[in-house]
Amino acid sequence: KTWTEAYITLILKEDTDQQQIKNYRPISLLNSDYKIFGSILAERLKRYLNNFIHPDQNGFLRKRQIRDNIRIILDTLEYYEAHPEKQMALIFLDAQKAFD
């Protein structure tokens, strides 16, 4: 039963208005048995994740870095600069406050 329970507390982000709920970060306090099992499972999954996650996904994965994506962007820009007869579009997406 302890695996299905968590205590949630809200922590105010620095230098924000405490009257606005969006300025609070929820933190879940979990039981130790759940956290230990989760850590073991995560370590085992890491061995196989790279086989299932698209090669262009570089953030937050072992042996992959965001700078690899930056290199892809630079290579793409250089290629289309050398081939002006071809058209291209780059789209950048950012999930606002994705990790706040």
PDB file of N, CA and C in Angstrom:
ATOM      1  N   LYS A   1       0.811  -1.200   0.000  1.00  0.00           N
ATOM      2  CA  LYS A   1       0.000   0.000   0.000  1.00  0.00           C
ATOM      3  C   LYS A   1       0.858   1.271   0.000  1.00  0.00           C
ATOM      4  N   THR A   2       2.030   1.212   0.563  1.00  0.00           N
ATOM      5  CA  THR A   2       2.867   2.414   0.649  1.00  0.00           C
ATOM      6  C   THR A   2       3.329   2.890  -0.723  1.00  0.00           C
ATOM      7  N   TRP A   3       3.278   2.013  -1.729  1.00  0.00           N
ATOM      8  CA  TRP A   3       3.711   2.411  -3.070  1.00  0.00           C
ATOM      9  C   TRP A   3       2.704   3.325  -3.742  1.00  0.00           C
ATOM     10  N   THR A   4       1.503   3.353  -3.263  1.00  0.00           N
ATOM     11  CA  THR A   4       0.458   4.165  -3.889  1.00  0.00           C
ATOM     12  C   THR A   4       0.215   5.465  -3.138  1.00  0.00           C
ATOM     13  N   GLU A   5       1.046   5.746  -2.162  1.00  0.00           N
ATOM     14  CA  GLU A   5       0.853   6.941  -1.353  1.00  0.00           C
ATOM     15  C   GLU A   5       2.023   7.901  -1.512  1.00  0.00           C
ATOM     16  N   ALA A   6       1.703   9.173  -1.506  1.00  0.00           N
ATOM     17  CA  ALA A   6       2.730  10.206  -1.522  1.00  0.00           C
ATOM     18  C   ALA A   6       2.174  11.431  -0.807  1.00  0.00           C
ATOM     19  N   TYR A   7       3.040  12.133  -0.146  1.00  0.00           N
ATOM     20  CA  TYR A   7       2.669  13.404   0.456  1.00  0.00           C
ATOM     21  C   TYR A   7       3.171  14.492  -0.481  1.00  0.00           C
ATOM     22  N   ILE A   8       2.281  15.369  -0.874  1.00  0.00           N
ATOM     23  CA  ILE A   8       2.647  16.431  -1.808  1.00  0.00           C
ATOM     24  C   ILE A   8       2.685  17.746  -1.052  1.00  0.00           C
ATOM     25  N   THR A   9       3.783  18.445  -1.228  1.00  0.00           N
ATOM     26  CA  THR A   9       3.919  19.764  -0.624  1.00  0.00           C
ATOM     27  C   THR A   9       4.288  20.748  -1.725  1.00  0.00           C
ATOM     28  N   LEU A  10       3.923  21.983  -1.562  1.00  0.00           N
ATOM     29  CA  LEU A  10       4.209  23.014  -2.553  1.00  0.00           C
ATOM     30  C   LEU A  10       5.340  23.897  -2.054  1.00  0.00           C
ATOM     31  N   ILE A  11       6.299  24.137  -2.931  1.00  0.00           N
ATOM     32  CA  ILE A  11       7.438  24.986  -2.593  1.00  0.00           C
ATOM     33  C   ILE A  11       7.409  26.206  -3.508  1.00  0.00           C
ATOM     34  N   LEU A  12       7.460  27.380  -2.927  1.00  0.00           N
ATOM     35  CA  LEU A  12       7.427  28.629  -3.682  1.00  0.00           C
ATOM     36  C   LEU A  12       8.735  28.815  -4.443  1.00  0.00           C
ATOM     37  N   LYS A  13       8.621  29.151  -5.732  1.00  0.00           N
ATOM     38  CA  LYS A  13       9.808  29.456  -6.532  1.00  0.00           C
ATOM     39  C   LYS A  13      10.370  30.799  -6.065  1.00  0.00           C
ATOM     40  N   GLU A  14      11.676  30.958  -6.225  1.00  0.00           N
ATOM     41  CA  GLU A  14      12.338  32.172  -5.742  1.00  0.00           C
ATOM     42  C   GLU A  14      11.848  33.416  -6.470  1.00  0.00           C
ATOM     43  N   ASP A  15      11.756  34.492  -5.733  1.00  0.00           N
ATOM     44  CA  ASP A  15      11.426  35.812  -6.281  1.00  0.00           C
ATOM     45  C   ASP A  15      10.140  35.815  -7.094  1.00  0.00           C
ATOM     46  N   THR A  16       9.103  35.149  -6.595  1.00  0.00           N
ATOM     47  CA  THR A  16       7.816  35.128  -7.285  1.00  0.00           C
ATOM     48  C   THR A  16       6.703  35.533  -6.327  1.00  0.00           C
ATOM     49  N   ASP A  17       5.567  35.851  -6.891  1.00  0.00           N
ATOM     50  CA  ASP A  17       4.393  36.260  -6.120  1.00  0.00           C
ATOM     51  C   ASP A  17       3.758  35.033  -5.477  1.00  0.00           C
ATOM     52  N   GLN A  18       3.709  35.019  -4.162  1.00  0.00           N
ATOM     53  CA  GLN A  18       3.171  33.848  -3.462  1.00  0.00           C
ATOM     54  C   GLN A  18       1.657  33.726  -3.593  1.00  0.00           C
ATOM     55  N   GLN A  19       0.996  34.720  -4.164  1.00  0.00           N
ATOM     56  CA  GLN A  19      -0.448  34.661  -4.370  1.00  0.00           C
ATOM     57  C   GLN A  19      -0.826  33.875  -5.632  1.00  0.00           C
ATOM     58  N   GLN A  20       0.143  33.630  -6.514  1.00  0.00           N
ATOM     59  CA  GLN A  20      -0.107  32.927  -7.775  1.00  0.00           C
ATOM     60  C   GLN A  20       0.275  31.452  -7.641  1.00  0.00           C
ATOM     61  N   ILE A  21      -0.681  30.555  -7.874  1.00  0.00           N
ATOM     62  CA  ILE A  21      -0.424  29.113  -7.736  1.00  0.00           C
ATOM     63  C   ILE A  21       0.631  28.618  -8.730  1.00  0.00           C
ATOM     64  N   LYS A  22       0.741  29.261  -9.898  1.00  0.00           N
ATOM     65  CA  LYS A  22       1.721  28.831 -10.903  1.00  0.00           C
ATOM     66  C   LYS A  22       3.161  29.021 -10.427  1.00  0.00           C
ATOM     67  N   ASN A  23       3.348  29.791  -9.361  1.00  0.00           N
ATOM     68  CA  ASN A  23       4.685  30.047  -8.838  1.00  0.00           C
ATOM     69  C   ASN A  23       5.124  29.038  -7.786  1.00  0.00           C
ATOM     70  N   TYR A  24       4.352  27.985  -7.647  1.00  0.00           N
ATOM     71  CA  TYR A  24       4.693  26.931  -6.698  1.00  0.00           C
ATOM     72  C   TYR A  24       5.082  25.660  -7.441  1.00  0.00           C
ATOM     73  N   ARG A  25       6.059  24.969  -6.911  1.00  0.00           N
ATOM     74  CA  ARG A  25       6.526  23.699  -7.476  1.00  0.00           C
ATOM     75  C   ARG A  25       6.056  22.572  -6.561  1.00  0.00           C
ATOM     76  N   PRO A  26       5.286  21.607  -7.108  1.00  0.00           N
ATOM     77  CA  PRO A  26       4.852  20.483  -6.268  1.00  0.00           C
ATOM     78  C   PRO A  26       5.986  19.480  -6.071  1.00  0.00           C
ATOM     79  N   ILE A  27       6.168  19.047  -4.864  1.00  0.00           N
ATOM     80  CA  ILE A  27       7.173  18.039  -4.531  1.00  0.00           C
ATOM     81  C   ILE A  27       6.449  16.866  -3.885  1.00  0.00           C
ATOM     82  N   SER A  28       6.668  15.670  -4.432  1.00  0.00           N
ATOM     83  CA  SER A  28       6.054  14.461  -3.871  1.00  0.00           C
ATOM     84  C   SER A  28       7.048  13.768  -2.958  1.00  0.00           C
ATOM     85  N   LEU A  29       6.647  13.525  -1.748  1.00  0.00           N
ATOM     86  CA  LEU A  29       7.473  12.792  -0.794  1.00  0.00           C
ATOM     87  C   LEU A  29       7.006  11.341  -0.810  1.00  0.00           C
ATOM     88  N   LEU A  30       7.896  10.447  -1.263  1.00  0.00           N
ATOM     89  CA  LEU A  30       7.555   9.033  -1.421  1.00  0.00           C
ATOM     90  C   LEU A  30       8.195   8.199  -0.328  1.00  0.00           C
ATOM     91  N   ASN A  31       7.642   7.036  -0.119  1.00  0.00           N
ATOM     92  CA  ASN A  31       8.210   6.115   0.860  1.00  0.00           C
ATOM     93  C   ASN A  31       9.514   5.520   0.336  1.00  0.00           C
ATOM     94  N   SER A  32      10.393   5.145   1.239  1.00  0.00           N
ATOM     95  CA  SER A  32      11.719   4.640   0.873  1.00  0.00           C
ATOM     96  C   SER A  32      11.659   3.364   0.056  1.00  0.00           C
ATOM     97  N   ASP A  33      10.741   2.448   0.370  1.00  0.00           N
ATOM     98  CA  ASP A  33      10.680   1.191  -0.380  1.00  0.00           C
ATOM     99  C   ASP A  33      10.363   1.447  -1.851  1.00  0.00           C
ATOM    100  N   TYR A  34       9.483   2.388  -2.115  1.00  0.00           N
ATOM    101  CA  TYR A  34       9.139   2.734  -3.494  1.00  0.00           C
ATOM    102  C   TYR A  34      10.341   3.359  -4.202  1.00  0.00           C
ATOM    103  N   LYS A  35      11.052   4.249  -3.519  1.00  0.00           N
ATOM    104  CA  LYS A  35      12.200   4.919  -4.122  1.00  0.00           C
ATOM    105  C   LYS A  35      13.327   3.934  -4.413  1.00  0.00           C
ATOM    106  N   ILE A  36      13.560   2.980  -3.524  1.00  0.00           N
ATOM    107  CA  ILE A  36      14.606   1.971  -3.750  1.00  0.00           C
ATOM    108  C   ILE A  36      14.252   1.116  -4.964  1.00  0.00           C
ATOM    109  N   PHE A  37      13.018   0.633  -5.027  1.00  0.00           N
ATOM    110  CA  PHE A  37      12.592  -0.176  -6.166  1.00  0.00           C
ATOM    111  C   PHE A  37      12.671   0.631  -7.461  1.00  0.00           C
ATOM    112  N   GLY A  38      12.243   1.882  -7.415  1.00  0.00           N
ATOM    113  CA  GLY A  38      12.305   2.744  -8.596  1.00  0.00           C
ATOM    114  C   GLY A  38      13.726   2.947  -9.082  1.00  0.00           C
ATOM    115  N   SER A  39      14.667   3.101  -8.170  1.00  0.00           N
ATOM    116  CA  SER A  39      16.076   3.272  -8.544  1.00  0.00           C
ATOM    117  C   SER A  39      16.632   2.019  -9.203  1.00  0.00           C
ATOM    118  N   ILE A  40      16.304   0.863  -8.657  1.00  0.00           N
ATOM    119  CA  ILE A  40      16.760  -0.403  -9.241  1.00  0.00           C
ATOM    120  C   ILE A  40      16.184  -0.566 -10.642  1.00  0.00           C
ATOM    121  N   LEU A  41      14.904  -0.311 -10.790  1.00  0.00           N
ATOM    122  CA  LEU A  41      14.245  -0.436 -12.088  1.00  0.00           C
ATOM    123  C   LEU A  41      14.833   0.542 -13.103  1.00  0.00           C
ATOM    124  N   ALA A  42      15.071   1.776 -12.690  1.00  0.00           N
ATOM    125  CA  ALA A  42      15.641   2.784 -13.586  1.00  0.00           C
ATOM    126  C   ALA A  42      17.026   2.372 -14.068  1.00  0.00           C
ATOM    127  N   GLU A  43      17.856   1.853 -13.175  1.00  0.00           N
ATOM    128  CA  GLU A  43      19.197   1.418 -13.573  1.00  0.00           C
ATOM    129  C   GLU A  43      19.133   0.285 -14.591  1.00  0.00           C
ATOM    130  N   ARG A  44      18.207  -0.627 -14.421  1.00  0.00           N
ATOM    131  CA  ARG A  44      18.073  -1.739 -15.370  1.00  0.00           C
ATOM    132  C   ARG A  44      17.539  -1.259 -16.718  1.00  0.00           C
ATOM    133  N   LEU A  45      16.618  -0.317 -16.691  1.00  0.00           N
ATOM    134  CA  LEU A  45      16.054   0.194 -17.944  1.00  0.00           C
ATOM    135  C   LEU A  45      17.072   0.987 -18.754  1.00  0.00           C
ATOM    136  N   LYS A  46      17.997   1.654 -18.077  1.00  0.00           N
ATOM    137  CA  LYS A  46      19.002   2.459 -18.772  1.00  0.00           C
ATOM    138  C   LYS A  46      19.808   1.627 -19.762  1.00  0.00           C
ATOM    139  N   ARG A  47      19.956   0.349 -19.495  1.00  0.00           N
ATOM    140  CA  ARG A  47      20.717  -0.528 -20.393  1.00  0.00           C
ATOM    141  C   ARG A  47      20.059  -0.647 -21.762  1.00  0.00           C
ATOM    142  N   TYR A  48      18.745  -0.471 -21.819  1.00  0.00           N
ATOM    143  CA  TYR A  48      18.002  -0.732 -23.049  1.00  0.00           C
ATOM    144  C   TYR A  48      17.370   0.504 -23.681  1.00  0.00           C
ATOM    145  N   LEU A  49      17.307   1.596 -22.967  1.00  0.00           N
ATOM    146  CA  LEU A  49      16.592   2.773 -23.457  1.00  0.00           C
ATOM    147  C   LEU A  49      17.116   3.297 -24.784  1.00  0.00           C
ATOM    148  N   ASN A  50      18.421   3.311 -24.971  1.00  0.00           N
ATOM    149  CA  ASN A  50      18.973   3.852 -26.207  1.00  0.00           C
ATOM    150  C   ASN A  50      18.492   3.097 -27.438  1.00  0.00           C
ATOM    151  N   ASN A  51      18.065   1.856 -27.272  1.00  0.00           N
ATOM    152  CA  ASN A  51      17.561   1.083 -28.408  1.00  0.00           C
ATOM    153  C   ASN A  51      16.144   1.493 -28.800  1.00  0.00           C
ATOM    154  N   PHE A  52      15.425   2.168 -27.920  1.00  0.00           N
ATOM    155  CA  PHE A  52      14.023   2.492 -28.170  1.00  0.00           C
ATOM    156  C   PHE A  52      13.754   3.976 -28.375  1.00  0.00           C
ATOM    157  N   ILE A  53      14.649   4.816 -27.925  1.00  0.00           N
ATOM    158  CA  ILE A  53      14.443   6.259 -28.034  1.00  0.00           C
ATOM    159  C   ILE A  53      15.096   6.749 -29.317  1.00  0.00           C
ATOM    160  N   HIS A  54      14.389   7.600 -30.038  1.00  0.00           N
ATOM    161  CA  HIS A  54      14.858   8.101 -31.334  1.00  0.00           C
ATOM    162  C   HIS A  54      16.247   8.728 -31.194  1.00  0.00           C
ATOM    163  N   PRO A  55      17.105   8.513 -32.181  1.00  0.00           N
ATOM    164  CA  PRO A  55      18.475   9.048 -32.108  1.00  0.00           C
ATOM    165  C   PRO A  55      18.544  10.568 -31.971  1.00  0.00           C
ATOM    166  N   ASP A  56      17.511  11.280 -32.422  1.00  0.00           N
ATOM    167  CA  ASP A  56      17.529  12.737 -32.307  1.00  0.00           C
ATOM    168  C   ASP A  56      17.188  13.236 -30.906  1.00  0.00           C
ATOM    169  N   GLN A  57      16.718  12.350 -30.044  1.00  0.00           N
ATOM    170  CA  GLN A  57      16.442  12.723 -28.650  1.00  0.00           C
ATOM    171  C   GLN A  57      17.745  12.595 -27.873  1.00  0.00           C
ATOM    172  N   ASN A  58      18.331  13.719 -27.519  1.00  0.00           N
ATOM    173  CA  ASN A  58      19.646  13.679 -26.890  1.00  0.00           C
ATOM    174  C   ASN A  58      19.666  14.137 -25.447  1.00  0.00           C
ATOM    175  N   GLY A  59      18.690  14.854 -25.018  1.00  0.00           N
ATOM    176  CA  GLY A  59      18.699  15.344 -23.645  1.00  0.00           C
ATOM    177  C   GLY A  59      18.382  14.254 -22.641  1.00  0.00           C
ATOM    178  N   PHE A  60      19.057  14.282 -21.517  1.00  0.00           N
ATOM    179  CA  PHE A  60      18.767  13.433 -20.366  1.00  0.00           C
ATOM    180  C   PHE A  60      19.018  11.946 -20.610  1.00  0.00           C
ATOM    181  N   LEU A  61      19.876  11.618 -21.554  1.00  0.00           N
ATOM    182  CA  LEU A  61      20.220  10.228 -21.816  1.00  0.00           C
ATOM    183  C   LEU A  61      21.728  10.061 -21.744  1.00  0.00           C
ATOM    184  N   ARG A  62      22.161   8.959 -21.194  1.00  0.00           N
ATOM    185  CA  ARG A  62      23.581   8.674 -21.072  1.00  0.00           C
ATOM    186  C   ARG A  62      24.217   8.600 -22.462  1.00  0.00           C
ATOM    187  N   LYS A  63      25.383   9.176 -22.587  1.00  0.00           N
ATOM    188  CA  LYS A  63      26.171   9.206 -23.819  1.00  0.00           C
ATOM    189  C   LYS A  63      25.508  10.003 -24.940  1.00  0.00           C
ATOM    190  N   ARG A  64      24.520  10.822 -24.615  1.00  0.00           N
ATOM    191  CA  ARG A  64      23.907  11.722 -25.587  1.00  0.00           C
ATOM    192  C   ARG A  64      23.856  13.110 -24.954  1.00  0.00           C
ATOM    193  N   GLN A  65      24.143  14.113 -25.773  1.00  0.00           N
ATOM    194  CA  GLN A  65      24.176  15.471 -25.238  1.00  0.00           C
ATOM    195  C   GLN A  65      23.466  16.420 -26.192  1.00  0.00           C
ATOM    196  N   ILE A  66      22.961  17.519 -25.661  1.00  0.00           N
ATOM    197  CA  ILE A  66      22.248  18.501 -26.468  1.00  0.00           C
ATOM    198  C   ILE A  66      23.164  19.112 -27.519  1.00  0.00           C
ATOM    199  N   ARG A  67      24.446  19.153 -27.259  1.00  0.00           N
ATOM    200  CA  ARG A  67      25.354  19.737 -28.249  1.00  0.00           C
ATOM    201  C   ARG A  67      25.364  18.927 -29.541  1.00  0.00           C
ATOM    202  N   ASP A  68      24.983  17.649 -29.470  1.00  0.00           N
ATOM    203  CA  ASP A  68      24.859  16.856 -30.693  1.00  0.00           C
ATOM    204  C   ASP A  68      23.759  17.431 -31.582  1.00  0.00           C
ATOM    205  N   ASN A  69      22.669  17.875 -30.992  1.00  0.00           N
ATOM    206  CA  ASN A  69      21.599  18.497 -31.772  1.00  0.00           C
ATOM    207  C   ASN A  69      22.032  19.840 -32.335  1.00  0.00           C
ATOM    208  N   ILE A  70      22.823  20.575 -31.589  1.00  0.00           N
ATOM    209  CA  ILE A  70      23.338  21.854 -32.084  1.00  0.00           C
ATOM    210  C   ILE A  70      24.201  21.620 -33.308  1.00  0.00           C
ATOM    211  N   ARG A  71      25.004  20.572 -33.274  1.00  0.00           N
ATOM    212  CA  ARG A  71      25.840  20.240 -34.428  1.00  0.00           C
ATOM    213  C   ARG A  71      24.984  19.894 -35.649  1.00  0.00           C
ATOM    214  N   ILE A  72      23.899  19.171 -35.445  1.00  0.00           N
ATOM    215  CA  ILE A  72      22.990  18.831 -36.546  1.00  0.00           C
ATOM    216  C   ILE A  72      22.403  20.102 -37.156  1.00  0.00           C
ATOM    217  N   ILE A  73      22.006  21.044 -36.314  1.00  0.00           N
ATOM    218  CA  ILE A  73      21.453  22.307 -36.815  1.00  0.00           C
ATOM    219  C   ILE A  73      22.493  23.061 -37.626  1.00  0.00           C
ATOM    220  N   LEU A  74      23.702  23.162 -37.103  1.00  0.00           N
ATOM    221  CA  LEU A  74      24.760  23.874 -37.826  1.00  0.00           C
ATOM    222  C   LEU A  74      25.081  23.201 -39.156  1.00  0.00           C
ATOM    223  N   ASP A  75      25.153  21.887 -39.165  1.00  0.00           N
ATOM    224  CA  ASP A  75      25.409  21.159 -40.417  1.00  0.00           C
ATOM    225  C   ASP A  75      24.291  21.391 -41.425  1.00  0.00           C
ATOM    226  N   THR A  76      23.054  21.401 -40.951  1.00  0.00           N
ATOM    227  CA  THR A  76      21.908  21.635 -41.837  1.00  0.00           C
ATOM    228  C   THR A  76      21.963  23.035 -42.433  1.00  0.00           C
ATOM    229  N   LEU A  77      22.251  24.032 -41.605  1.00  0.00           N
ATOM    230  CA  LEU A  77      22.361  25.403 -42.102  1.00  0.00           C
ATOM    231  C   LEU A  77      23.474  25.537 -43.132  1.00  0.00           C
ATOM    232  N   GLU A  78      24.605  24.928 -42.876  1.00  0.00           N
ATOM    233  CA  GLU A  78      25.723  24.986 -43.823  1.00  0.00           C
ATOM    234  C   GLU A  78      25.369  24.305 -45.143  1.00  0.00           C
ATOM    235  N   TYR A  79      24.673  23.184 -45.069  1.00  0.00           N
ATOM    236  CA  TYR A  79      24.293  22.458 -46.283  1.00  0.00           C
ATOM    237  C   TYR A  79      23.375  23.309 -47.158  1.00  0.00           C
ATOM    238  N   TYR A  80      22.345  23.897 -46.558  1.00  0.00           N
ATOM    239  CA  TYR A  80      21.401  24.678 -47.348  1.00  0.00           C
ATOM    240  C   TYR A  80      21.974  26.019 -47.778  1.00  0.00           C
ATOM    241  N   GLU A  81      22.950  26.508 -47.069  1.00  0.00           N
ATOM    242  CA  GLU A  81      23.651  27.712 -47.518  1.00  0.00           C
ATOM    243  C   GLU A  81      24.467  27.399 -48.771  1.00  0.00           C
ATOM    244  N   ALA A  82      25.018  26.200 -48.828  1.00  0.00           N
ATOM    245  CA  ALA A  82      25.793  25.776 -50.004  1.00  0.00           C
ATOM    246  C   ALA A  82      24.894  25.361 -51.168  1.00  0.00           C
ATOM    247  N   HIS A  83      23.615  25.111 -50.908  1.00  0.00           N
ATOM    248  CA  HIS A  83      22.655  24.694 -51.937  1.00  0.00           C
ATOM    249  C   HIS A  83      21.435  25.622 -51.902  1.00  0.00           C
ATOM    250  N   PRO A  84      21.592  26.873 -52.359  1.00  0.00           N
ATOM    251  CA  PRO A  84      20.493  27.841 -52.261  1.00  0.00           C
ATOM    252  C   PRO A  84      19.278  27.488 -53.124  1.00  0.00           C
ATOM    253  N   GLU A  85      19.441  26.571 -54.063  1.00  0.00           N
ATOM    254  CA  GLU A  85      18.305  26.173 -54.900  1.00  0.00           C
ATOM    255  C   GLU A  85      17.301  25.305 -54.135  1.00  0.00           C
ATOM    256  N   LYS A  86      17.708  24.801 -53.005  1.00  0.00           N
ATOM    257  CA  LYS A  86      16.831  23.962 -52.185  1.00  0.00           C
ATOM    258  C   LYS A  86      16.183  24.807 -51.092  1.00  0.00           C
ATOM    259  N   GLN A  87      14.972  24.420 -50.728  1.00  0.00           N
ATOM    260  CA  GLN A  87      14.259  25.136 -49.673  1.00  0.00           C
ATOM    261  C   GLN A  87      14.315  24.346 -48.367  1.00  0.00           C
ATOM    262  N   MET A  88      14.250  25.077 -47.297  1.00  0.00           N
ATOM    263  CA  MET A  88      14.222  24.416 -45.995  1.00  0.00           C
ATOM    264  C   MET A  88      13.556  25.314 -44.975  1.00  0.00           C
ATOM    265  N   ALA A  89      13.163  24.707 -43.896  1.00  0.00           N
ATOM    266  CA  ALA A  89      12.604  25.447 -42.767  1.00  0.00           C
ATOM    267  C   ALA A  89      13.062  24.759 -41.493  1.00  0.00           C
ATOM    268  N   LEU A  90      13.489  25.539 -40.545  1.00  0.00           N
ATOM    269  CA  LEU A  90      13.823  25.021 -39.221  1.00  0.00           C
ATOM    270  C   LEU A  90      12.759  25.521 -38.255  1.00  0.00           C
ATOM    271  N   ILE A  91      12.256  24.628 -37.449  1.00  0.00           N
ATOM    272  CA  ILE A  91      11.244  24.987 -36.464  1.00  0.00           C
ATOM    273  C   ILE A  91      11.791  24.660 -35.079  1.00  0.00           C
ATOM    274  N   PHE A  92      11.760  25.633 -34.214  1.00  0.00           N
ATOM    275  CA  PHE A  92      12.213  25.435 -32.845  1.00  0.00           C
ATOM    276  C   PHE A  92      11.000  25.497 -31.924  1.00  0.00           C
ATOM    277  N   LEU A  93      10.836  24.492 -31.108  1.00  0.00           N
ATOM    278  CA  LEU A  93       9.725  24.445 -30.165  1.00  0.00           C
ATOM    279  C   LEU A  93      10.272  24.461 -28.744  1.00  0.00           C
ATOM    280  N   ASP A  94       9.597  25.179 -27.894  1.00  0.00           N
ATOM    281  CA  ASP A  94       9.999  25.229 -26.498  1.00  0.00           C
ATOM    282  C   ASP A  94       8.744  25.138 -25.643  1.00  0.00           C
ATOM    283  N   ALA A  95       8.670  24.118 -24.833  1.00  0.00           N
ATOM    284  CA  ALA A  95       7.538  23.980 -23.923  1.00  0.00           C
ATOM    285  C   ALA A  95       7.764  24.944 -22.765  1.00  0.00           C
ATOM    286  N   GLN A  96       6.943  25.966 -22.693  1.00  0.00           N
ATOM    287  CA  GLN A  96       7.124  27.009 -21.685  1.00  0.00           C
ATOM    288  C   GLN A  96       7.083  26.419 -20.283  1.00  0.00           C
ATOM    289  N   LYS A  97       8.107  26.712 -19.520  1.00  0.00           N
ATOM    290  CA  LYS A  97       8.227  26.247 -18.140  1.00  0.00           C
ATOM    291  C   LYS A  97       8.136  24.725 -18.031  1.00  0.00           C
ATOM    292  N   ALA A  98       8.686  24.028 -19.012  1.00  0.00           N
ATOM    293  CA  ALA A  98       8.591  22.567 -19.041  1.00  0.00           C
ATOM    294  C   ALA A  98       9.204  21.924 -17.803  1.00  0.00           C
ATOM    295  N   PHE A  99      10.250  22.515 -17.269  1.00  0.00           N
ATOM    296  CA  PHE A  99      10.935  21.893 -16.140  1.00  0.00           C
ATOM    297  C   PHE A  99      10.918  22.772 -14.898  1.00  0.00           C
ATOM    298  N   ASP A 100      10.000  23.710 -14.831  1.00  0.00           N
ATOM    299  CA  ASP A 100       9.891  24.554 -13.632  1.00  0.00           C
ATOM    300  C   ASP A 100       9.248  23.798 -12.504  1.00  0.00           C
TER     301      ASP A 100
END
